[in-house]
Amino acid sequence: MAANQRTIRTDYRQYCSHAGDEVRIETEFATPAEFLPETPPRIVHRSCSHYCVCNLHDKAACSFAVTLPQVILLPAQFV
């Protein structure tokens, strides 16, 4: 494997009432270089296969729309 190789995997499919169709939730992974064999692949981002349809509306409907900022929940000890 080459360094910074990225792969996209479909996690699951579900019906989206906002898009009015079945959508695929896809995850993009970055695999580590060969000299770091113990390092697990990193998740680059998750997105919906119909994110363009959601972004054409005034308001995004879910967290898989690419334009929404990622919300990171921290444990109470870090807040």
N, C-alpha and C. Protein backbone atom coordinates (compact mmCIF):
# COMPACT_ATOMS: atom_id res chain seq x y z
N MET A 1 0.82 -1.19 0.00
CA MET A 1 0.00 0.00 0.00
C MET A 1 0.86 1.25 0.00
N ALA A 2 0.44 2.20 -0.73
CA ALA A 2 1.16 3.47 -0.76
C ALA A 2 0.73 4.34 0.41
N ALA A 3 1.56 5.30 0.73
CA ALA A 3 1.22 6.22 1.81
C ALA A 3 0.04 7.08 1.40
N ASN A 4 -0.82 7.37 2.34
CA ASN A 4 -1.99 8.23 2.14
C ASN A 4 -2.97 7.69 1.11
N GLN A 5 -3.06 6.39 0.99
CA GLN A 5 -4.05 5.80 0.10
C GLN A 5 -5.41 5.92 0.76
N ARG A 6 -6.40 6.35 0.00
CA ARG A 6 -7.74 6.55 0.56
C ARG A 6 -8.72 5.60 -0.11
N THR A 7 -9.60 5.05 0.71
CA THR A 7 -10.64 4.16 0.21
C THR A 7 -11.98 4.62 0.74
N ILE A 8 -13.03 4.39 -0.04
CA ILE A 8 -14.39 4.76 0.37
C ILE A 8 -15.18 3.47 0.53
N ARG A 9 -15.85 3.35 1.67
CA ARG A 9 -16.64 2.17 1.98
C ARG A 9 -18.07 2.60 2.28
N THR A 10 -19.04 1.86 1.76
CA THR A 10 -20.44 2.12 2.08
C THR A 10 -20.76 1.41 3.39
N ASP A 11 -21.14 2.19 4.41
CA ASP A 11 -21.44 1.60 5.71
C ASP A 11 -22.83 0.98 5.74
N TYR A 12 -23.83 1.74 5.33
CA TYR A 12 -25.19 1.21 5.30
C TYR A 12 -26.05 2.05 4.37
N ARG A 13 -27.24 1.53 4.08
CA ARG A 13 -28.22 2.22 3.25
C ARG A 13 -29.49 2.40 4.06
N GLN A 14 -30.15 3.52 3.84
CA GLN A 14 -31.42 3.76 4.52
C GLN A 14 -32.24 4.74 3.70
N TYR A 15 -33.54 4.78 3.96
CA TYR A 15 -34.41 5.71 3.27
C TYR A 15 -34.31 7.07 3.95
N CYS A 16 -34.15 8.12 3.15
CA CYS A 16 -34.08 9.48 3.67
C CYS A 16 -35.33 10.23 3.21
N SER A 17 -36.13 10.68 4.15
CA SER A 17 -37.35 11.40 3.79
C SER A 17 -37.05 12.77 3.22
N HIS A 18 -35.92 13.36 3.59
CA HIS A 18 -35.56 14.68 3.08
C HIS A 18 -35.16 14.60 1.60
N ALA A 19 -34.38 13.59 1.24
CA ALA A 19 -33.97 13.41 -0.16
C ALA A 19 -35.04 12.68 -0.96
N GLY A 20 -35.93 11.95 -0.27
CA GLY A 20 -36.99 11.21 -0.94
C GLY A 20 -36.50 9.98 -1.68
N ASP A 21 -35.42 9.38 -1.21
CA ASP A 21 -34.83 8.24 -1.89
C ASP A 21 -33.97 7.46 -0.89
N GLU A 22 -33.53 6.29 -1.31
CA GLU A 22 -32.60 5.53 -0.48
C GLU A 22 -31.21 6.13 -0.64
N VAL A 23 -30.51 6.33 0.46
CA VAL A 23 -29.19 6.95 0.43
C VAL A 23 -28.16 5.98 1.01
N ARG A 24 -26.91 6.19 0.62
CA ARG A 24 -25.79 5.41 1.14
C ARG A 24 -24.98 6.30 2.06
N ILE A 25 -24.66 5.81 3.24
CA ILE A 25 -23.76 6.51 4.14
C ILE A 25 -22.37 5.95 3.88
N GLU A 26 -21.47 6.82 3.40
CA GLU A 26 -20.15 6.40 2.98
C GLU A 26 -19.08 6.96 3.91
N THR A 27 -18.06 6.16 4.17
CA THR A 27 -16.94 6.57 5.02
C THR A 27 -15.66 6.50 4.20
N GLU A 28 -14.87 7.58 4.25
CA GLU A 28 -13.59 7.60 3.56
C GLU A 28 -12.48 7.37 4.58
N PHE A 29 -11.63 6.37 4.30
CA PHE A 29 -10.54 6.00 5.18
C PHE A 29 -9.20 6.36 4.54
N ALA A 30 -8.24 6.76 5.36
CA ALA A 30 -6.85 6.94 4.93
C ALA A 30 -6.04 5.82 5.57
N THR A 31 -5.43 5.00 4.74
CA THR A 31 -4.64 3.89 5.25
C THR A 31 -3.22 4.36 5.56
N PRO A 32 -2.61 3.79 6.58
CA PRO A 32 -1.25 4.22 6.95
C PRO A 32 -0.21 3.72 5.95
N ALA A 33 0.96 4.27 6.04
CA ALA A 33 2.07 3.84 5.17
C ALA A 33 2.53 2.45 5.58
N GLU A 34 3.29 1.80 4.72
CA GLU A 34 3.76 0.43 5.00
C GLU A 34 4.68 0.36 6.20
N PHE A 35 5.39 1.43 6.49
CA PHE A 35 6.33 1.37 7.62
C PHE A 35 5.63 1.59 8.96
N LEU A 36 4.31 1.76 8.96
CA LEU A 36 3.52 1.86 10.19
C LEU A 36 2.43 0.79 10.18
N PRO A 37 2.79 -0.49 10.24
CA PRO A 37 1.79 -1.55 10.07
C PRO A 37 0.79 -1.65 11.22
N GLU A 38 1.15 -1.19 12.42
CA GLU A 38 0.23 -1.32 13.56
C GLU A 38 -0.82 -0.22 13.60
N THR A 39 -0.62 0.83 12.84
CA THR A 39 -1.52 1.97 12.87
C THR A 39 -2.82 1.63 12.15
N PRO A 40 -3.97 1.82 12.80
CA PRO A 40 -5.24 1.53 12.12
C PRO A 40 -5.57 2.62 11.10
N PRO A 41 -6.42 2.31 10.14
CA PRO A 41 -6.84 3.34 9.18
C PRO A 41 -7.59 4.46 9.89
N ARG A 42 -7.43 5.68 9.40
CA ARG A 42 -8.11 6.83 9.99
C ARG A 42 -9.34 7.19 9.17
N ILE A 43 -10.39 7.60 9.86
CA ILE A 43 -11.60 8.07 9.18
C ILE A 43 -11.37 9.52 8.78
N VAL A 44 -11.45 9.80 7.48
CA VAL A 44 -11.27 11.15 6.98
C VAL A 44 -12.59 11.91 7.09
N HIS A 45 -13.66 11.34 6.57
CA HIS A 45 -14.98 11.94 6.74
C HIS A 45 -16.07 10.94 6.36
N ARG A 46 -17.27 11.24 6.82
CA ARG A 46 -18.46 10.46 6.47
C ARG A 46 -19.40 11.38 5.72
N SER A 47 -20.06 10.84 4.72
CA SER A 47 -21.00 11.65 3.96
C SER A 47 -22.13 10.78 3.42
N CYS A 48 -23.15 11.45 2.95
CA CYS A 48 -24.32 10.82 2.37
C CYS A 48 -24.18 10.86 0.85
N SER A 49 -24.73 9.87 0.16
CA SER A 49 -24.63 9.84 -1.29
C SER A 49 -25.51 10.90 -1.95
N HIS A 50 -26.47 11.47 -1.22
CA HIS A 50 -27.37 12.50 -1.77
C HIS A 50 -27.16 13.85 -1.09
N TYR A 51 -25.95 14.13 -0.66
CA TYR A 51 -25.72 15.39 0.07
C TYR A 51 -25.98 16.60 -0.81
N CYS A 52 -25.83 16.48 -2.11
CA CYS A 52 -26.10 17.62 -3.01
C CYS A 52 -27.56 18.02 -2.95
N VAL A 53 -28.46 17.05 -2.86
CA VAL A 53 -29.89 17.34 -2.79
C VAL A 53 -30.20 18.09 -1.50
N CYS A 54 -29.63 17.67 -0.40
CA CYS A 54 -29.87 18.34 0.89
C CYS A 54 -29.29 19.75 0.90
N ASN A 55 -28.16 19.94 0.27
CA ASN A 55 -27.53 21.26 0.28
C ASN A 55 -28.25 22.26 -0.60
N LEU A 56 -29.11 21.81 -1.51
CA LEU A 56 -29.88 22.73 -2.34
C LEU A 56 -31.04 23.36 -1.57
N HIS A 57 -31.44 22.72 -0.47
CA HIS A 57 -32.51 23.27 0.37
C HIS A 57 -31.94 24.37 1.26
N ASP A 58 -32.82 25.13 1.89
CA ASP A 58 -32.38 26.22 2.75
C ASP A 58 -31.63 25.72 3.98
N LYS A 59 -31.99 24.54 4.44
CA LYS A 59 -31.42 24.04 5.69
C LYS A 59 -31.03 22.58 5.51
N ALA A 60 -29.83 22.23 5.93
CA ALA A 60 -29.39 20.84 5.85
C ALA A 60 -30.18 19.99 6.83
N ALA A 61 -30.45 18.75 6.46
CA ALA A 61 -31.33 17.91 7.25
C ALA A 61 -30.61 16.98 8.21
N CYS A 62 -29.37 16.65 7.94
CA CYS A 62 -28.70 15.67 8.79
C CYS A 62 -27.22 15.98 8.94
N SER A 63 -26.57 15.25 9.79
CA SER A 63 -25.15 15.49 10.05
C SER A 63 -24.26 14.94 8.95
N PHE A 64 -24.80 14.19 8.00
CA PHE A 64 -24.00 13.65 6.92
C PHE A 64 -23.93 14.58 5.72
N ALA A 65 -24.63 15.73 5.78
CA ALA A 65 -24.48 16.74 4.73
C ALA A 65 -23.08 17.33 4.88
N VAL A 66 -22.37 17.45 3.80
CA VAL A 66 -20.96 17.81 3.84
C VAL A 66 -20.74 19.22 4.38
N THR A 67 -21.69 20.12 4.22
CA THR A 67 -21.48 21.51 4.62
C THR A 67 -21.68 21.75 6.11
N LEU A 68 -22.26 20.79 6.83
CA LEU A 68 -22.45 20.98 8.27
C LEU A 68 -21.13 20.79 8.99
N PRO A 69 -20.83 21.61 9.98
CA PRO A 69 -19.60 21.39 10.76
C PRO A 69 -19.75 20.15 11.63
N GLN A 70 -18.65 19.48 11.86
CA GLN A 70 -18.66 18.30 12.70
C GLN A 70 -18.76 18.72 14.16
N VAL A 71 -19.63 18.09 14.90
CA VAL A 71 -19.80 18.37 16.32
C VAL A 71 -19.01 17.33 17.09
N ILE A 72 -18.07 17.78 17.87
CA ILE A 72 -17.25 16.87 18.67
C ILE A 72 -17.70 16.98 20.12
N LEU A 73 -18.18 15.89 20.65
CA LEU A 73 -18.63 15.87 22.04
C LEU A 73 -17.46 15.47 22.92
N LEU A 74 -17.13 16.31 23.87
CA LEU A 74 -16.04 16.03 24.79
C LEU A 74 -16.59 15.48 26.10
N PRO A 75 -15.84 14.62 26.77
CA PRO A 75 -16.25 14.17 28.09
C PRO A 75 -16.32 15.36 29.06
N ALA A 76 -17.07 15.20 30.12
CA ALA A 76 -17.30 16.29 31.07
C ALA A 76 -16.01 16.82 31.68
N GLN A 77 -14.98 15.99 31.80
CA GLN A 77 -13.73 16.43 32.42
C GLN A 77 -12.98 17.44 31.56
N PHE A 78 -13.26 17.51 30.28
CA PHE A 78 -12.58 18.45 29.39
C PHE A 78 -13.36 19.74 29.16
N VAL A 79 -14.58 19.81 29.65
CA VAL A 79 -15.42 20.99 29.41
C VAL A 79 -15.20 22.02 30.48
